[in-house]
Amino acid sequence: MNEDDTAAVYQRAYDSKEFHDLRRRLARFVIPVSVAFLTWYLAYVLLATYATDFMSQKLWGNINVALVVGLLQFVTTFGITWAYVRFANTEIDPPATALREEIEAELKSVGGDQG
């Protein structure tokens, strides 16, 4: 198989509706979640910097607002990770696997088993 044949196979895959749908589906999840998390993180940083009286308010014993909000950052991170893994396993991986298998089959038909 020559490089032109290989490039043509990958170009067709890149130009395919399935590939663009897959990228769009991924972006519709990743972009809003990323913006939301970064906004949440920025709010935490700004509160810690400029609202020290608020953040230092005690809630229970020695536990203050800053500690709770800081721990919620971790909870949010784990929640987003869980949601992304679930999303990827159901919405991204199956069509991506099908597309990869199509590309591999086309590569084999173009120039033998060199993948």
PDB file of N, CA and C in Angstrom:
ATOM      1  N   MET A   1       0.860  -1.171   0.000  1.00  0.00           N
ATOM      2  CA  MET A   1       0.000   0.000   0.000  1.00  0.00           C
ATOM      3  C   MET A   1       0.903   1.229   0.000  1.00  0.00           C
ATOM      4  N   ASN A   2       0.595   2.159  -0.870  1.00  0.00           N
ATOM      5  CA  ASN A   2       1.409   3.377  -0.884  1.00  0.00           C
ATOM      6  C   ASN A   2       0.767   4.450  -0.002  1.00  0.00           C
ATOM      7  N   GLU A   3       1.524   5.483   0.248  1.00  0.00           N
ATOM      8  CA  GLU A   3       1.059   6.539   1.153  1.00  0.00           C
ATOM      9  C   GLU A   3      -0.160   7.269   0.615  1.00  0.00           C
ATOM     10  N   ASP A   4      -0.260   7.414  -0.703  1.00  0.00           N
ATOM     11  CA  ASP A   4      -1.417   8.098  -1.288  1.00  0.00           C
ATOM     12  C   ASP A   4      -2.701   7.325  -1.019  1.00  0.00           C
ATOM     13  N   ASP A   5      -2.632   5.987  -1.124  1.00  0.00           N
ATOM     14  CA  ASP A   5      -3.812   5.165  -0.842  1.00  0.00           C
ATOM     15  C   ASP A   5      -4.221   5.293   0.625  1.00  0.00           C
ATOM     16  N   THR A   6      -3.236   5.223   1.498  1.00  0.00           N
ATOM     17  CA  THR A   6      -3.507   5.350   2.930  1.00  0.00           C
ATOM     18  C   THR A   6      -4.093   6.722   3.246  1.00  0.00           C
ATOM     19  N   ALA A   7      -3.497   7.746   2.694  1.00  0.00           N
ATOM     20  CA  ALA A   7      -3.989   9.107   2.930  1.00  0.00           C
ATOM     21  C   ALA A   7      -5.416   9.265   2.427  1.00  0.00           C
ATOM     22  N   ALA A   8      -5.721   8.656   1.289  1.00  0.00           N
ATOM     23  CA  ALA A   8      -7.072   8.758   0.728  1.00  0.00           C
ATOM     24  C   ALA A   8      -8.093   8.089   1.641  1.00  0.00           C
ATOM     25  N   VAL A   9      -7.722   6.953   2.219  1.00  0.00           N
ATOM     26  CA  VAL A   9      -8.631   6.255   3.132  1.00  0.00           C
ATOM     27  C   VAL A   9      -8.913   7.134   4.355  1.00  0.00           C
ATOM     28  N   TYR A  10      -7.871   7.680   4.929  1.00  0.00           N
ATOM     29  CA  TYR A  10      -8.056   8.525   6.115  1.00  0.00           C
ATOM     30  C   TYR A  10      -8.781   9.826   5.775  1.00  0.00           C
ATOM     31  N   GLN A  11      -8.549  10.359   4.600  1.00  0.00           N
ATOM     32  CA  GLN A  11      -9.255  11.580   4.200  1.00  0.00           C
ATOM     33  C   GLN A  11     -10.745  11.305   4.037  1.00  0.00           C
ATOM     34  N   ARG A  12     -11.089  10.155   3.440  1.00  0.00           N
ATOM     35  CA  ARG A  12     -12.509   9.796   3.314  1.00  0.00           C
ATOM     36  C   ARG A  12     -13.144   9.627   4.690  1.00  0.00           C
ATOM     37  N   ALA A  13     -12.407   9.017   5.604  1.00  0.00           N
ATOM     38  CA  ALA A  13     -12.936   8.847   6.961  1.00  0.00           C
ATOM     39  C   ALA A  13     -13.153  10.208   7.620  1.00  0.00           C
ATOM     40  N   TYR A  14     -12.180  11.093   7.451  1.00  0.00           N
ATOM     41  CA  TYR A  14     -12.280  12.430   8.038  1.00  0.00           C
ATOM     42  C   TYR A  14     -13.452  13.205   7.443  1.00  0.00           C
ATOM     43  N   ASP A  15     -13.689  13.039   6.166  1.00  0.00           N
ATOM     44  CA  ASP A  15     -14.764  13.758   5.486  1.00  0.00           C
ATOM     45  C   ASP A  15     -16.138  13.127   5.703  1.00  0.00           C
ATOM     46  N   SER A  16     -16.188  11.953   6.303  1.00  0.00           N
ATOM     47  CA  SER A  16     -17.455  11.228   6.432  1.00  0.00           C
ATOM     48  C   SER A  16     -18.398  11.916   7.418  1.00  0.00           C
ATOM     49  N   LYS A  17     -19.680  11.720   7.175  1.00  0.00           N
ATOM     50  CA  LYS A  17     -20.710  12.258   8.064  1.00  0.00           C
ATOM     51  C   LYS A  17     -20.581  11.645   9.459  1.00  0.00           C
ATOM     52  N   GLU A  18     -20.260  10.360   9.514  1.00  0.00           N
ATOM     53  CA  GLU A  18     -20.142   9.674  10.800  1.00  0.00           C
ATOM     54  C   GLU A  18     -19.053  10.303  11.675  1.00  0.00           C
ATOM     55  N   PHE A  19     -17.918  10.621  11.065  1.00  0.00           N
ATOM     56  CA  PHE A  19     -16.818  11.214  11.823  1.00  0.00           C
ATOM     57  C   PHE A  19     -17.209  12.598  12.346  1.00  0.00           C
ATOM     58  N   HIS A  20     -17.840  13.394  11.504  1.00  0.00           N
ATOM     59  CA  HIS A  20     -18.236  14.740  11.931  1.00  0.00           C
ATOM     60  C   HIS A  20     -19.344  14.689  12.981  1.00  0.00           C
ATOM     61  N   ASP A  21     -20.252  13.729  12.855  1.00  0.00           N
ATOM     62  CA  ASP A  21     -21.280  13.557  13.885  1.00  0.00           C
ATOM     63  C   ASP A  21     -20.652  13.171  15.223  1.00  0.00           C
ATOM     64  N   LEU A  22     -19.653  12.313  15.159  1.00  0.00           N
ATOM     65  CA  LEU A  22     -18.964  11.881  16.367  1.00  0.00           C
ATOM     66  C   LEU A  22     -18.253  13.053  17.042  1.00  0.00           C
ATOM     67  N   ARG A  23     -17.561  13.851  16.266  1.00  0.00           N
ATOM     68  CA  ARG A  23     -16.876  15.027  16.820  1.00  0.00           C
ATOM     69  C   ARG A  23     -17.876  16.030  17.393  1.00  0.00           C
ATOM     70  N   ARG A  24     -18.983  16.228  16.706  1.00  0.00           N
ATOM     71  CA  ARG A  24     -20.011  17.159  17.183  1.00  0.00           C
ATOM     72  C   ARG A  24     -20.615  16.664  18.502  1.00  0.00           C
ATOM     73  N   ARG A  25     -20.891  15.380  18.559  1.00  0.00           N
ATOM     74  CA  ARG A  25     -21.462  14.800  19.773  1.00  0.00           C
ATOM     75  C   ARG A  25     -20.500  14.968  20.957  1.00  0.00           C
ATOM     76  N   LEU A  26     -19.227  14.727  20.711  1.00  0.00           N
ATOM     77  CA  LEU A  26     -18.222  14.895  21.763  1.00  0.00           C
ATOM     78  C   LEU A  26     -18.138  16.355  22.208  1.00  0.00           C
ATOM     79  N   ALA A  27     -18.101  17.266  21.255  1.00  0.00           N
ATOM     80  CA  ALA A  27     -17.998  18.693  21.580  1.00  0.00           C
ATOM     81  C   ALA A  27     -19.220  19.171  22.359  1.00  0.00           C
ATOM     82  N   ARG A  28     -20.408  18.641  22.033  1.00  0.00           N
ATOM     83  CA  ARG A  28     -21.615  19.057  22.749  1.00  0.00           C
ATOM     84  C   ARG A  28     -21.595  18.641  24.211  1.00  0.00           C
ATOM     85  N   PHE A  29     -20.807  17.642  24.538  1.00  0.00           N
ATOM     86  CA  PHE A  29     -20.653  17.270  25.943  1.00  0.00           C
ATOM     87  C   PHE A  29     -19.481  18.017  26.578  1.00  0.00           C
ATOM     88  N   VAL A  30     -18.333  17.954  25.935  1.00  0.00           N
ATOM     89  CA  VAL A  30     -17.093  18.444  26.538  1.00  0.00           C
ATOM     90  C   VAL A  30     -17.092  19.956  26.733  1.00  0.00           C
ATOM     91  N   ILE A  31     -17.525  20.704  25.751  1.00  0.00           N
ATOM     92  CA  ILE A  31     -17.435  22.168  25.845  1.00  0.00           C
ATOM     93  C   ILE A  31     -18.303  22.728  26.973  1.00  0.00           C
ATOM     94  N   PRO A  32     -19.596  22.400  27.041  1.00  0.00           N
ATOM     95  CA  PRO A  32     -20.391  22.961  28.141  1.00  0.00           C
ATOM     96  C   PRO A  32     -19.915  22.509  29.526  1.00  0.00           C
ATOM     97  N   VAL A  33     -19.530  21.241  29.637  1.00  0.00           N
ATOM     98  CA  VAL A  33     -19.066  20.751  30.937  1.00  0.00           C
ATOM     99  C   VAL A  33     -17.765  21.447  31.330  1.00  0.00           C
ATOM    100  N   SER A  34     -16.871  21.638  30.376  1.00  0.00           N
ATOM    101  CA  SER A  34     -15.605  22.330  30.661  1.00  0.00           C
ATOM    102  C   SER A  34     -15.847  23.774  31.074  1.00  0.00           C
ATOM    103  N   VAL A  35     -16.721  24.461  30.355  1.00  0.00           N
ATOM    104  CA  VAL A  35     -17.035  25.855  30.698  1.00  0.00           C
ATOM    105  C   VAL A  35     -17.662  25.926  32.091  1.00  0.00           C
ATOM    106  N   ALA A  36     -18.591  25.019  32.372  1.00  0.00           N
ATOM    107  CA  ALA A  36     -19.239  25.018  33.684  1.00  0.00           C
ATOM    108  C   ALA A  36     -18.226  24.762  34.797  1.00  0.00           C
ATOM    109  N   PHE A  37     -17.354  23.778  34.597  1.00  0.00           N
ATOM    110  CA  PHE A  37     -16.384  23.482  35.648  1.00  0.00           C
ATOM    111  C   PHE A  37     -15.390  24.620  35.832  1.00  0.00           C
ATOM    112  N   LEU A  38     -14.897  25.181  34.740  1.00  0.00           N
ATOM    113  CA  LEU A  38     -13.942  26.282  34.868  1.00  0.00           C
ATOM    114  C   LEU A  38     -14.582  27.502  35.528  1.00  0.00           C
ATOM    115  N   THR A  39     -15.860  27.736  35.243  1.00  0.00           N
ATOM    116  CA  THR A  39     -16.586  28.824  35.905  1.00  0.00           C
ATOM    117  C   THR A  39     -16.698  28.553  37.402  1.00  0.00           C
ATOM    118  N   TRP A  40     -17.027  27.326  37.748  1.00  0.00           N
ATOM    119  CA  TRP A  40     -17.137  26.912  39.147  1.00  0.00           C
ATOM    120  C   TRP A  40     -15.786  27.057  39.850  1.00  0.00           C
ATOM    121  N   TYR A  41     -14.719  26.638  39.189  1.00  0.00           N
ATOM    122  CA  TYR A  41     -13.378  26.753  39.779  1.00  0.00           C
ATOM    123  C   TYR A  41     -12.977  28.224  39.938  1.00  0.00           C
ATOM    124  N   LEU A  42     -13.250  29.038  38.921  1.00  0.00           N
ATOM    125  CA  LEU A  42     -12.936  30.467  39.002  1.00  0.00           C
ATOM    126  C   LEU A  42     -13.713  31.123  40.143  1.00  0.00           C
ATOM    127  N   ALA A  43     -14.973  30.727  40.304  1.00  0.00           N
ATOM    128  CA  ALA A  43     -15.769  31.266  41.412  1.00  0.00           C
ATOM    129  C   ALA A  43     -15.120  30.919  42.750  1.00  0.00           C
ATOM    130  N   TYR A  44     -14.622  29.695  42.865  1.00  0.00           N
ATOM    131  CA  TYR A  44     -13.939  29.280  44.097  1.00  0.00           C
ATOM    132  C   TYR A  44     -12.696  30.131  44.350  1.00  0.00           C
ATOM    133  N   VAL A  45     -11.898  30.327  43.321  1.00  0.00           N
ATOM    134  CA  VAL A  45     -10.676  31.129  43.461  1.00  0.00           C
ATOM    135  C   VAL A  45     -11.026  32.571  43.826  1.00  0.00           C
ATOM    136  N   LEU A  46     -12.016  33.135  43.145  1.00  0.00           N
ATOM    137  CA  LEU A  46     -12.406  34.521  43.433  1.00  0.00           C
ATOM    138  C   LEU A  46     -12.980  34.665  44.839  1.00  0.00           C
ATOM    139  N   LEU A  47     -13.790  33.704  45.251  1.00  0.00           N
ATOM    140  CA  LEU A  47     -14.317  33.746  46.618  1.00  0.00           C
ATOM    141  C   LEU A  47     -13.190  33.653  47.640  1.00  0.00           C
ATOM    142  N   ALA A  48     -12.246  32.760  47.395  1.00  0.00           N
ATOM    143  CA  ALA A  48     -11.123  32.604  48.327  1.00  0.00           C
ATOM    144  C   ALA A  48     -10.264  33.859  48.382  1.00  0.00           C
ATOM    145  N   THR A  49     -10.197  34.578  47.262  1.00  0.00           N
ATOM    146  CA  THR A  49      -9.348  35.766  47.196  1.00  0.00           C
ATOM    147  C   THR A  49     -10.047  37.011  47.729  1.00  0.00           C
ATOM    148  N   TYR A  50     -11.299  37.213  47.329  1.00  0.00           N
ATOM    149  CA  TYR A  50     -11.969  38.484  47.616  1.00  0.00           C
ATOM    150  C   TYR A  50     -13.092  38.399  48.648  1.00  0.00           C
ATOM    151  N   ALA A  51     -13.529  37.220  48.992  1.00  0.00           N
ATOM    152  CA  ALA A  51     -14.614  37.085  49.970  1.00  0.00           C
ATOM    153  C   ALA A  51     -14.130  36.279  51.173  1.00  0.00           C
ATOM    154  N   THR A  52     -13.029  36.723  51.725  1.00  0.00           N
ATOM    155  CA  THR A  52     -12.414  35.967  52.822  1.00  0.00           C
ATOM    156  C   THR A  52     -13.313  35.885  54.055  1.00  0.00           C
ATOM    157  N   ASP A  53     -14.081  36.929  54.303  1.00  0.00           N
ATOM    158  CA  ASP A  53     -14.997  36.878  55.453  1.00  0.00           C
ATOM    159  C   ASP A  53     -16.048  35.788  55.253  1.00  0.00           C
ATOM    160  N   PHE A  54     -16.584  35.716  54.057  1.00  0.00           N
ATOM    161  CA  PHE A  54     -17.573  34.680  53.748  1.00  0.00           C
ATOM    162  C   PHE A  54     -16.952  33.288  53.834  1.00  0.00           C
ATOM    163  N   MET A  55     -15.783  33.124  53.214  1.00  0.00           N
ATOM    164  CA  MET A  55     -15.147  31.805  53.161  1.00  0.00           C
ATOM    165  C   MET A  55     -14.682  31.336  54.539  1.00  0.00           C
ATOM    166  N   SER A  56     -14.431  32.263  55.443  1.00  0.00           N
ATOM    167  CA  SER A  56     -13.938  31.873  56.770  1.00  0.00           C
ATOM    168  C   SER A  56     -15.058  31.636  57.780  1.00  0.00           C
ATOM    169  N   GLN A  57     -16.303  31.770  57.355  1.00  0.00           N
ATOM    170  CA  GLN A  57     -17.421  31.520  58.270  1.00  0.00           C
ATOM    171  C   GLN A  57     -17.439  30.050  58.670  1.00  0.00           C
ATOM    172  N   LYS A  58     -17.553  29.818  59.949  1.00  0.00           N
ATOM    173  CA  LYS A  58     -17.588  28.444  60.460  1.00  0.00           C
ATOM    174  C   LYS A  58     -18.982  27.857  60.247  1.00  0.00           C
ATOM    175  N   LEU A  59     -19.004  26.611  59.819  1.00  0.00           N
ATOM    176  CA  LEU A  59     -20.265  25.910  59.612  1.00  0.00           C
ATOM    177  C   LEU A  59     -20.529  24.916  60.734  1.00  0.00           C
ATOM    178  N   TRP A  60     -19.560  24.037  61.001  1.00  0.00           N
ATOM    179  CA  TRP A  60     -19.641  23.050  62.076  1.00  0.00           C
ATOM    180  C   TRP A  60     -18.265  22.936  62.705  1.00  0.00           C
ATOM    181  N   GLY A  61     -18.132  23.248  63.932  1.00  0.00           N
ATOM    182  CA  GLY A  61     -16.835  23.137  64.605  1.00  0.00           C
ATOM    183  C   GLY A  61     -15.774  23.950  63.879  1.00  0.00           C
ATOM    184  N   ASN A  62     -14.704  23.283  63.461  1.00  0.00           N
ATOM    185  CA  ASN A  62     -13.623  23.957  62.735  1.00  0.00           C
ATOM    186  C   ASN A  62     -13.798  23.895  61.217  1.00  0.00           C
ATOM    187  N   ILE A  63     -14.927  23.439  60.758  1.00  0.00           N
ATOM    188  CA  ILE A  63     -15.184  23.344  59.315  1.00  0.00           C
ATOM    189  C   ILE A  63     -15.814  24.649  58.848  1.00  0.00           C
ATOM    190  N   ASN A  64     -15.142  25.297  57.887  1.00  0.00           N
ATOM    191  CA  ASN A  64     -15.660  26.570  57.379  1.00  0.00           C
ATOM    192  C   ASN A  64     -16.111  26.429  55.919  1.00  0.00           C
ATOM    193  N   VAL A  65     -16.660  27.503  55.394  1.00  0.00           N
ATOM    194  CA  VAL A  65     -17.187  27.506  54.027  1.00  0.00           C
ATOM    195  C   VAL A  65     -16.092  27.156  53.024  1.00  0.00           C
ATOM    196  N   ALA A  66     -14.893  27.690  53.215  1.00  0.00           N
ATOM    197  CA  ALA A  66     -13.795  27.439  52.274  1.00  0.00           C
ATOM    198  C   ALA A  66     -13.474  25.956  52.173  1.00  0.00           C
ATOM    199  N   LEU A  67     -13.460  25.263  53.289  1.00  0.00           N
ATOM    200  CA  LEU A  67     -13.166  23.832  53.279  1.00  0.00           C
ATOM    201  C   LEU A  67     -14.254  23.060  52.537  1.00  0.00           C
ATOM    202  N   VAL A  68     -15.499  23.397  52.804  1.00  0.00           N
ATOM    203  CA  VAL A  68     -16.609  22.714  52.137  1.00  0.00           C
ATOM    204  C   VAL A  68     -16.576  22.971  50.632  1.00  0.00           C
ATOM    205  N   VAL A  69     -16.389  24.224  50.239  1.00  0.00           N
ATOM    206  CA  VAL A  69     -16.341  24.556  48.810  1.00  0.00           C
ATOM    207  C   VAL A  69     -15.133  23.885  48.151  1.00  0.00           C
ATOM    208  N   GLY A  70     -14.006  23.852  48.844  1.00  0.00           N
ATOM    209  CA  GLY A  70     -12.822  23.179  48.311  1.00  0.00           C
ATOM    210  C   GLY A  70     -13.057  21.693  48.113  1.00  0.00           C
ATOM    211  N   LEU A  71     -13.690  21.050  49.080  1.00  0.00           N
ATOM    212  CA  LEU A  71     -14.002  19.625  48.938  1.00  0.00           C
ATOM    213  C   LEU A  71     -15.024  19.386  47.831  1.00  0.00           C
ATOM    214  N   LEU A  72     -15.941  20.332  47.664  1.00  0.00           N
ATOM    215  CA  LEU A  72     -16.911  20.205  46.570  1.00  0.00           C
ATOM    216  C   LEU A  72     -16.234  20.267  45.204  1.00  0.00           C
ATOM    217  N   GLN A  73     -15.077  20.919  45.126  1.00  0.00           N
ATOM    218  CA  GLN A  73     -14.312  20.912  43.874  1.00  0.00           C
ATOM    219  C   GLN A  73     -13.916  19.475  43.521  1.00  0.00           C
ATOM    220  N   PHE A  74     -13.481  18.716  44.520  1.00  0.00           N
ATOM    221  CA  PHE A  74     -13.123  17.316  44.281  1.00  0.00           C
ATOM    222  C   PHE A  74     -14.348  16.496  43.896  1.00  0.00           C
ATOM    223  N   VAL A  75     -15.449  16.706  44.607  1.00  0.00           N
ATOM    224  CA  VAL A  75     -16.684  15.986  44.296  1.00  0.00           C
ATOM    225  C   VAL A  75     -17.108  16.272  42.858  1.00  0.00           C
ATOM    226  N   THR A  76     -17.034  17.535  42.471  1.00  0.00           N
ATOM    227  CA  THR A  76     -17.385  17.924  41.105  1.00  0.00           C
ATOM    228  C   THR A  76     -16.476  17.235  40.094  1.00  0.00           C
ATOM    229  N   THR A  77     -15.185  17.200  40.372  1.00  0.00           N
ATOM    230  CA  THR A  77     -14.238  16.560  39.458  1.00  0.00           C
ATOM    231  C   THR A  77     -14.565  15.083  39.284  1.00  0.00           C
ATOM    232  N   PHE A  78     -14.820  14.387  40.387  1.00  0.00           N
ATOM    233  CA  PHE A  78     -15.168  12.969  40.289  1.00  0.00           C
ATOM    234  C   PHE A  78     -16.499  12.780  39.571  1.00  0.00           C
ATOM    235  N   GLY A  79     -17.459  13.658  39.828  1.00  0.00           N
ATOM    236  CA  GLY A  79     -18.754  13.575  39.146  1.00  0.00           C
ATOM    237  C   GLY A  79     -18.631  13.774  37.647  1.00  0.00           C
ATOM    238  N   ILE A  80     -17.836  14.745  37.252  1.00  0.00           N
ATOM    239  CA  ILE A  80     -17.627  14.992  35.823  1.00  0.00           C
ATOM    240  C   ILE A  80     -16.922  13.802  35.184  1.00  0.00           C
ATOM    241  N   THR A  81     -15.937  13.252  35.876  1.00  0.00           N
ATOM    242  CA  THR A  81     -15.228  12.084  35.346  1.00  0.00           C
ATOM    243  C   THR A  81     -16.185  10.919  35.161  1.00  0.00           C
ATOM    244  N   TRP A  82     -17.008  10.655  36.153  1.00  0.00           N
ATOM    245  CA  TRP A  82     -17.989   9.575  36.062  1.00  0.00           C
ATOM    246  C   TRP A  82     -18.944   9.819  34.893  1.00  0.00           C
ATOM    247  N   ALA A  83     -19.448  11.046  34.772  1.00  0.00           N
ATOM    248  CA  ALA A  83     -20.385  11.374  33.694  1.00  0.00           C
ATOM    249  C   ALA A  83     -19.727  11.221  32.328  1.00  0.00           C
ATOM    250  N   TYR A  84     -18.472  11.646  32.205  1.00  0.00           N
ATOM    251  CA  TYR A  84     -17.783  11.524  30.919  1.00  0.00           C
ATOM    252  C   TYR A  84     -17.548  10.062  30.555  1.00  0.00           C
ATOM    253  N   VAL A  85     -17.123   9.259  31.505  1.00  0.00           N
ATOM    254  CA  VAL A  85     -16.895   7.838  31.215  1.00  0.00           C
ATOM    255  C   VAL A  85     -18.196   7.180  30.774  1.00  0.00           C
ATOM    256  N   ARG A  86     -19.258   7.488  31.466  1.00  0.00           N
ATOM    257  CA  ARG A  86     -20.566   6.930  31.086  1.00  0.00           C
ATOM    258  C   ARG A  86     -20.973   7.412  29.691  1.00  0.00           C
ATOM    259  N   PHE A  87     -20.809   8.697  29.437  1.00  0.00           N
ATOM    260  CA  PHE A  87     -21.129   9.266  28.129  1.00  0.00           C
ATOM    261  C   PHE A  87     -20.275   8.628  27.039  1.00  0.00           C
ATOM    262  N   ALA A  88     -18.975   8.526  27.273  1.00  0.00           N
ATOM    263  CA  ALA A  88     -18.072   7.961  26.265  1.00  0.00           C
ATOM    264  C   ALA A  88     -18.407   6.499  25.994  1.00  0.00           C
ATOM    265  N   ASN A  89     -18.686   5.744  27.036  1.00  0.00           N
ATOM    266  CA  ASN A  89     -18.993   4.324  26.850  1.00  0.00           C
ATOM    267  C   ASN A  89     -20.271   4.094  26.058  1.00  0.00           C
ATOM    268  N   THR A  90     -21.233   4.989  26.187  1.00  0.00           N
ATOM    269  CA  THR A  90     -22.512   4.778  25.505  1.00  0.00           C
ATOM    270  C   THR A  90     -22.655   5.560  24.206  1.00  0.00           C
ATOM    271  N   GLU A  91     -22.080   6.758  24.142  1.00  0.00           N
ATOM    272  CA  GLU A  91     -22.324   7.642  23.002  1.00  0.00           C
ATOM    273  C   GLU A  91     -21.141   7.795  22.047  1.00  0.00           C
ATOM    274  N   ILE A  92     -19.933   7.617  22.529  1.00  0.00           N
ATOM    275  CA  ILE A  92     -18.746   7.868  21.703  1.00  0.00           C
ATOM    276  C   ILE A  92     -18.077   6.572  21.262  1.00  0.00           C
ATOM    277  N   ASP A  93     -17.820   5.679  22.193  1.00  0.00           N
ATOM    278  CA  ASP A  93     -17.056   4.476  21.870  1.00  0.00           C
ATOM    279  C   ASP A  93     -17.715   3.564  20.832  1.00  0.00           C
ATOM    280  N   PRO A  94     -19.019   3.270  20.923  1.00  0.00           N
ATOM    281  CA  PRO A  94     -19.593   2.376  19.906  1.00  0.00           C
ATOM    282  C   PRO A  94     -19.471   2.912  18.471  1.00  0.00           C
ATOM    283  N   PRO A  95     -19.858   4.169  18.186  1.00  0.00           N
ATOM    284  CA  PRO A  95     -19.677   4.643  16.810  1.00  0.00           C
ATOM    285  C   PRO A  95     -18.207   4.809  16.432  1.00  0.00           C
ATOM    286  N   ALA A  96     -17.358   5.159  17.387  1.00  0.00           N
ATOM    287  CA  ALA A  96     -15.927   5.288  17.082  1.00  0.00           C
ATOM    288  C   ALA A  96     -15.334   3.932  16.735  1.00  0.00           C
ATOM    289  N   THR A  97     -15.746   2.899  17.447  1.00  0.00           N
ATOM    290  CA  THR A  97     -15.272   1.550  17.143  1.00  0.00           C
ATOM    291  C   THR A  97     -15.744   1.116  15.764  1.00  0.00           C
ATOM    292  N   ALA A  98     -16.995   1.388  15.451  1.00  0.00           N
ATOM    293  CA  ALA A  98     -17.514   1.028  14.124  1.00  0.00           C
ATOM    294  C   ALA A  98     -16.754   1.764  13.027  1.00  0.00           C
ATOM    295  N   LEU A  99     -16.493   3.034  13.226  1.00  0.00           N
ATOM    296  CA  LEU A  99     -15.750   3.817  12.235  1.00  0.00           C
ATOM    297  C   LEU A  99     -14.323   3.294  12.090  1.00  0.00           C
ATOM    298  N   ARG A 100     -13.689   2.982  13.208  1.00  0.00           N
ATOM    299  CA  ARG A 100     -12.329   2.432  13.155  1.00  0.00           C
ATOM    300  C   ARG A 100     -12.301   1.103  12.398  1.00  0.00           C
ATOM    301  N   GLU A 101     -13.291   0.260  12.646  1.00  0.00           N
ATOM    302  CA  GLU A 101     -13.341  -1.029  11.954  1.00  0.00           C
ATOM    303  C   GLU A 101     -13.543  -0.848  10.455  1.00  0.00           C
ATOM    304  N   GLU A 102     -14.358   0.128  10.073  1.00  0.00           N
ATOM    305  CA  GLU A 102     -14.531   0.428   8.642  1.00  0.00           C
ATOM    306  C   GLU A 102     -13.216   0.879   8.018  1.00  0.00           C
ATOM    307  N   ILE A 103     -12.504   1.747   8.707  1.00  0.00           N
ATOM    308  CA  ILE A 103     -11.225   2.253   8.193  1.00  0.00           C
ATOM    309  C   ILE A 103     -10.223   1.110   8.067  1.00  0.00           C
ATOM    310  N   GLU A 104     -10.140   0.267   9.093  1.00  0.00           N
ATOM    311  CA  GLU A 104      -9.200  -0.852   9.049  1.00  0.00           C
ATOM    312  C   GLU A 104      -9.529  -1.805   7.910  1.00  0.00           C
ATOM    313  N   ALA A 105     -10.819  -2.071   7.701  1.00  0.00           N
ATOM    314  CA  ALA A 105     -11.217  -2.956   6.604  1.00  0.00           C
ATOM    315  C   ALA A 105     -10.854  -2.340   5.259  1.00  0.00           C
ATOM    316  N   GLU A 106     -11.073  -1.050   5.124  1.00  0.00           N
ATOM    317  CA  GLU A 106     -10.732  -0.383   3.868  1.00  0.00           C
ATOM    318  C   GLU A 106      -9.223  -0.374   3.644  1.00  0.00           C
ATOM    319  N   LEU A 107      -8.463  -0.166   4.698  1.00  0.00           N
ATOM    320  CA  LEU A 107      -7.003  -0.193   4.572  1.00  0.00           C
ATOM    321  C   LEU A 107      -6.516  -1.575   4.138  1.00  0.00           C
ATOM    322  N   LYS A 108      -7.122  -2.625   4.691  1.00  0.00           N
ATOM    323  CA  LYS A 108      -6.744  -3.983   4.304  1.00  0.00           C
ATOM    324  C   LYS A 108      -7.082  -4.251   2.845  1.00  0.00           C
ATOM    325  N   SER A 109      -8.246  -3.763   2.408  1.00  0.00           N
ATOM    326  CA  SER A 109      -8.646  -4.011   1.017  1.00  0.00           C
ATOM    327  C   SER A 109      -7.794  -3.223   0.031  1.00  0.00           C
ATOM    328  N   VAL A 110      -7.270  -2.086   0.473  1.00  0.00           N
ATOM    329  CA  VAL A 110      -6.447  -1.256  -0.412  1.00  0.00           C
ATOM    330  C   VAL A 110      -5.047  -1.825  -0.564  1.00  0.00           C
ATOM    331  N   GLY A 111      -4.490  -2.340   0.535  1.00  0.00           N
ATOM    332  CA  GLY A 111      -3.095  -2.738   0.402  1.00  0.00           C
ATOM    333  C   GLY A 111      -2.643  -3.874   1.266  1.00  0.00           C
ATOM    334  N   GLY A 112      -3.518  -4.738   1.643  1.00  0.00           N
ATOM    335  CA  GLY A 112      -3.073  -5.864   2.443  1.00  0.00           C
ATOM    336  C   GLY A 112      -3.095  -5.536   3.919  1.00  0.00           C
ATOM    337  N   ASP A 113      -2.678  -6.505   4.709  1.00  0.00           N
ATOM    338  CA  ASP A 113      -2.707  -6.374   6.169  1.00  0.00           C
ATOM    339  C   ASP A 113      -1.413  -5.750   6.657  1.00  0.00           C
ATOM    340  N   GLN A 114      -1.383  -4.411   6.711  1.00  0.00           N
ATOM    341  CA  GLN A 114      -0.184  -3.724   7.188  1.00  0.00           C
ATOM    342  C   GLN A 114      -0.498  -2.815   8.369  1.00  0.00           C
ATOM    343  N   GLY A 115      -1.651  -2.968   9.027  1.00  0.00           N
ATOM    344  CA  GLY A 115      -2.046  -2.073  10.106  1.00  0.00           C
ATOM    345  C   GLY A 115      -1.627  -2.579  11.399  1.00  0.00           C
TER     346      GLY A 115
END
